[in-house]
Amino acid sequence: MQNQAIITGRLTKEGDLESVNDHSLVRFTLATSRDYKAADNTYPTDFIDACLWGTPAERFVSLVHKGDVVQITGRLQTRTYQDANGSFHKRTEILVDKWYRLMPKQETPKVVDRETGEVSDLEDLDV
């Protein structure tokens, strides 16, 4: 049997690098839109949780930022845990094998003044 997931979406927030048993770990969420519009004329969005271990996690945190489009491949895993109140919870997430930064979040274009070297947003200029 095969357990493989491929997800493309936007990173919902900056990743926080943790250390678990001397191994780096980053947990993050990708927002993925469905390919159809709902009755309210918006695309429904799913939020997919993922985790990445080791050196790839360290690189992910340094290179990928909120709003960037990322594609991940990995396997689905479900784990259970008990919170401080004694309640049990079940969580399904993607354990990432590979990741690709497809597109950075679009930023306002910048313009550099040749004479002064000053950087400003393109939309701020009177043209």
C-alpha atoms as a PDB file:
ATOM      1  CA  MET A   1       0.000   0.000   0.000  1.00  0.00           C
ATOM      2  CA  GLN A   2       1.144   3.505  -0.733  1.00  0.00           C
ATOM      3  CA  ASN A   3       0.885   6.523   1.537  1.00  0.00           C
ATOM      4  CA  GLN A   4       1.944   9.606  -0.392  1.00  0.00           C
ATOM      5  CA  ALA A   5       0.675  13.179  -0.310  1.00  0.00           C
ATOM      6  CA  ILE A   6       1.555  16.102  -2.581  1.00  0.00           C
ATOM      7  CA  ILE A   7       0.219  19.474  -1.464  1.00  0.00           C
ATOM      8  CA  THR A   8       0.726  22.954  -2.905  1.00  0.00           C
ATOM      9  CA  GLY A   9      -0.333  25.986  -0.895  1.00  0.00           C
ATOM     10  CA  ARG A  10       0.647  29.196   0.830  1.00  0.00           C
ATOM     11  CA  LEU A  11       2.451  29.204   4.158  1.00  0.00           C
ATOM     12  CA  THR A  12       0.031  30.637   6.746  1.00  0.00           C
ATOM     13  CA  LYS A  13       2.669  31.976   9.169  1.00  0.00           C
ATOM     14  CA  GLU A  14       6.408  31.987   9.776  1.00  0.00           C
ATOM     15  CA  GLY A  15       7.763  28.599  10.864  1.00  0.00           C
ATOM     16  CA  ASP A  16       9.076  28.228  14.409  1.00  0.00           C
ATOM     17  CA  LEU A  17      12.065  25.945  14.723  1.00  0.00           C
ATOM     18  CA  GLU A  18      11.990  23.645  17.763  1.00  0.00           C
ATOM     19  CA  SER A  19      14.505  21.192  19.140  1.00  0.00           C
ATOM     20  CA  VAL A  20      13.130  17.752  20.027  1.00  0.00           C
ATOM     21  CA  ASN A  21      15.631  15.201  21.363  1.00  0.00           C
ATOM     22  CA  ASP A  22      18.483  17.182  19.739  1.00  0.00           C
ATOM     23  CA  HIS A  23      16.736  17.182  16.332  1.00  0.00           C
ATOM     24  CA  SER A  24      15.356  20.271  14.598  1.00  0.00           C
ATOM     25  CA  LEU A  25      11.615  20.323  13.934  1.00  0.00           C
ATOM     26  CA  VAL A  26       9.349  22.827  12.237  1.00  0.00           C
ATOM     27  CA  ARG A  27       5.566  22.504  12.208  1.00  0.00           C
ATOM     28  CA  PHE A  28       3.681  24.613   9.692  1.00  0.00           C
ATOM     29  CA  THR A  29       0.363  24.938   7.899  1.00  0.00           C
ATOM     30  CA  LEU A  30      -0.341  25.364   4.196  1.00  0.00           C
ATOM     31  CA  ALA A  31      -3.532  27.029   2.965  1.00  0.00           C
ATOM     32  CA  THR A  32      -4.835  25.355  -0.186  1.00  0.00           C
ATOM     33  CA  SER A  33      -7.785  26.558  -2.226  1.00  0.00           C
ATOM     34  CA  ARG A  34     -10.155  24.119  -3.861  1.00  0.00           C
ATOM     35  CA  ASP A  35     -10.662  24.326  -7.619  1.00  0.00           C
ATOM     36  CA  TYR A  36     -14.320  25.381  -7.496  1.00  0.00           C
ATOM     37  CA  LYS A  37     -16.295  28.311  -6.146  1.00  0.00           C
ATOM     38  CA  ALA A  38     -18.779  27.937  -3.325  1.00  0.00           C
ATOM     39  CA  ALA A  39     -22.272  29.465  -3.331  1.00  0.00           C
ATOM     40  CA  ASP A  40     -20.847  32.729  -1.923  1.00  0.00           C
ATOM     41  CA  ASN A  41     -18.507  33.009  -4.968  1.00  0.00           C
ATOM     42  CA  THR A  42     -15.336  32.271  -2.949  1.00  0.00           C
ATOM     43  CA  TYR A  43     -12.962  29.341  -3.199  1.00  0.00           C
ATOM     44  CA  PRO A  44     -13.149  27.106  -0.104  1.00  0.00           C
ATOM     45  CA  THR A  45      -9.784  26.801   1.622  1.00  0.00           C
ATOM     46  CA  ASP A  46      -8.308  23.851   3.475  1.00  0.00           C
ATOM     47  CA  PHE A  47      -5.532  24.227   6.047  1.00  0.00           C
ATOM     48  CA  ILE A  48      -3.089  21.323   5.936  1.00  0.00           C
ATOM     49  CA  ASP A  49      -0.715  20.722   8.866  1.00  0.00           C
ATOM     50  CA  ALA A  50       2.786  19.438   8.170  1.00  0.00           C
ATOM     51  CA  CYS A  51       6.056  18.789   9.979  1.00  0.00           C
ATOM     52  CA  LEU A  52       9.646  18.658   8.775  1.00  0.00           C
ATOM     53  CA  TRP A  53      12.676  17.304  10.660  1.00  0.00           C
ATOM     54  CA  GLY A  54      16.452  17.840  10.650  1.00  0.00           C
ATOM     55  CA  THR A  55      18.573  20.027   8.417  1.00  0.00           C
ATOM     56  CA  PRO A  56      15.742  20.422   5.864  1.00  0.00           C
ATOM     57  CA  ALA A  57      13.668  22.019   8.656  1.00  0.00           C
ATOM     58  CA  GLU A  58      16.430  24.530   9.370  1.00  0.00           C
ATOM     59  CA  ARG A  59      16.676  25.452   5.675  1.00  0.00           C
ATOM     60  CA  PHE A  60      12.885  25.713   5.400  1.00  0.00           C
ATOM     61  CA  VAL A  61      12.710  28.229   8.249  1.00  0.00           C
ATOM     62  CA  SER A  62      15.477  30.366   6.758  1.00  0.00           C
ATOM     63  CA  LEU A  63      14.161  30.356   3.162  1.00  0.00           C
ATOM     64  CA  VAL A  64      10.354  30.186   3.312  1.00  0.00           C
ATOM     65  CA  HIS A  65       8.184  32.952   4.728  1.00  0.00           C
ATOM     66  CA  LYS A  66       4.523  33.674   5.374  1.00  0.00           C
ATOM     67  CA  GLY A  67       2.588  33.869   2.104  1.00  0.00           C
ATOM     68  CA  ASP A  68       5.143  31.991  -0.016  1.00  0.00           C
ATOM     69  CA  VAL A  69       3.777  29.253  -2.276  1.00  0.00           C
ATOM     70  CA  VAL A  70       5.295  25.905  -1.305  1.00  0.00           C
ATOM     71  CA  GLN A  71       4.860  22.372  -2.586  1.00  0.00           C
ATOM     72  CA  ILE A  72       5.483  19.503  -0.172  1.00  0.00           C
ATOM     73  CA  THR A  73       5.616  15.771  -0.671  1.00  0.00           C
ATOM     74  CA  GLY A  74       5.475  13.251   2.131  1.00  0.00           C
ATOM     75  CA  ARG A  75       3.251  10.789   3.898  1.00  0.00           C
ATOM     76  CA  LEU A  76       0.173  11.237   6.038  1.00  0.00           C
ATOM     77  CA  GLN A  77       0.535  10.267   9.658  1.00  0.00           C
ATOM     78  CA  THR A  78      -1.926  10.300  12.509  1.00  0.00           C
ATOM     79  CA  ARG A  79      -0.834  10.614  16.099  1.00  0.00           C
ATOM     80  CA  THR A  80      -2.646  10.862  19.392  1.00  0.00           C
ATOM     81  CA  TYR A  81      -1.594  12.856  22.411  1.00  0.00           C
ATOM     82  CA  GLN A  82      -2.913  13.779  25.825  1.00  0.00           C
ATOM     83  CA  ASP A  83      -3.136  17.437  26.862  1.00  0.00           C
ATOM     84  CA  ALA A  84      -2.559  18.888  30.340  1.00  0.00           C
ATOM     85  CA  ASN A  85      -6.254  18.392  31.205  1.00  0.00           C
ATOM     86  CA  GLY A  86      -6.051  14.677  30.452  1.00  0.00           C
ATOM     87  CA  SER A  87      -8.052  14.881  27.212  1.00  0.00           C
ATOM     88  CA  PHE A  88      -6.903  12.807  24.270  1.00  0.00           C
ATOM     89  CA  HIS A  89      -6.537  14.395  20.841  1.00  0.00           C
ATOM     90  CA  LYS A  90      -5.949  12.950  17.402  1.00  0.00           C
ATOM     91  CA  ARG A  91      -3.962  14.864  14.792  1.00  0.00           C
ATOM     92  CA  THR A  92      -3.319  14.055  11.139  1.00  0.00           C
ATOM     93  CA  GLU A  93      -0.441  15.807   9.394  1.00  0.00           C
ATOM     94  CA  ILE A  94       2.002  15.345   6.549  1.00  0.00           C
ATOM     95  CA  LEU A  95       5.494  14.183   7.463  1.00  0.00           C
ATOM     96  CA  VAL A  96       7.436  16.028   4.761  1.00  0.00           C
ATOM     97  CA  ASP A  97      10.092  14.236   2.696  1.00  0.00           C
ATOM     98  CA  LYS A  98      10.715  17.022   0.161  1.00  0.00           C
ATOM     99  CA  TRP A  99       9.700  20.638  -0.185  1.00  0.00           C
ATOM    100  CA  TYR A 100       9.911  23.195  -2.958  1.00  0.00           C
ATOM    101  CA  ARG A 101       9.521  26.960  -2.716  1.00  0.00           C
ATOM    102  CA  LEU A 102       7.578  27.750  -5.868  1.00  0.00           C
ATOM    103  CA  MET A 103       6.886  31.451  -5.546  1.00  0.00           C
ATOM    104  CA  PRO A 104       7.589  34.104  -2.946  1.00  0.00           C
ATOM    105  CA  LYS A 105       4.757  36.228  -1.664  1.00  0.00           C
ATOM    106  CA  GLN A 106       4.225  39.071  -4.105  1.00  0.00           C
ATOM    107  CA  GLU A 107       5.656  42.280  -2.861  1.00  0.00           C
ATOM    108  CA  THR A 108       5.266  45.825  -4.085  1.00  0.00           C
ATOM    109  CA  PRO A 109       7.856  46.437  -6.814  1.00  0.00           C
ATOM    110  CA  LYS A 110      10.824  48.527  -5.669  1.00  0.00           C
ATOM    111  CA  VAL A 111      12.633  51.279  -7.506  1.00  0.00           C
ATOM    112  CA  VAL A 112      16.212  52.367  -6.801  1.00  0.00           C
ATOM    113  CA  ASP A 113      17.185  55.984  -7.503  1.00  0.00           C
ATOM    114  CA  ARG A 114      20.371  55.859  -9.596  1.00  0.00           C
ATOM    115  CA  GLU A 115      21.808  59.047  -8.112  1.00  0.00           C
ATOM    116  CA  THR A 116      21.021  58.636  -4.420  1.00  0.00           C
ATOM    117  CA  GLY A 117      20.630  54.845  -4.135  1.00  0.00           C
ATOM    118  CA  GLU A 118      17.376  55.406  -2.256  1.00  0.00           C
ATOM    119  CA  VAL A 119      14.856  52.547  -2.467  1.00  0.00           C
ATOM    120  CA  SER A 120      11.127  53.277  -2.652  1.00  0.00           C
ATOM    121  CA  ASP A 121       7.934  51.473  -3.588  1.00  0.00           C
ATOM    122  CA  LEU A 122       6.955  51.851  -7.237  1.00  0.00           C
ATOM    123  CA  GLU A 123       3.422  52.924  -6.296  1.00  0.00           C
ATOM    124  CA  ASP A 124       4.786  55.824  -4.188  1.00  0.00           C
ATOM    125  CA  LEU A 125       6.373  57.571  -7.162  1.00  0.00           C
ATOM    126  CA  ASP A 126       4.683  60.452  -8.966  1.00  0.00           C
ATOM    127  CA  VAL A 127       4.995  59.553 -12.640  1.00  0.00           C
END
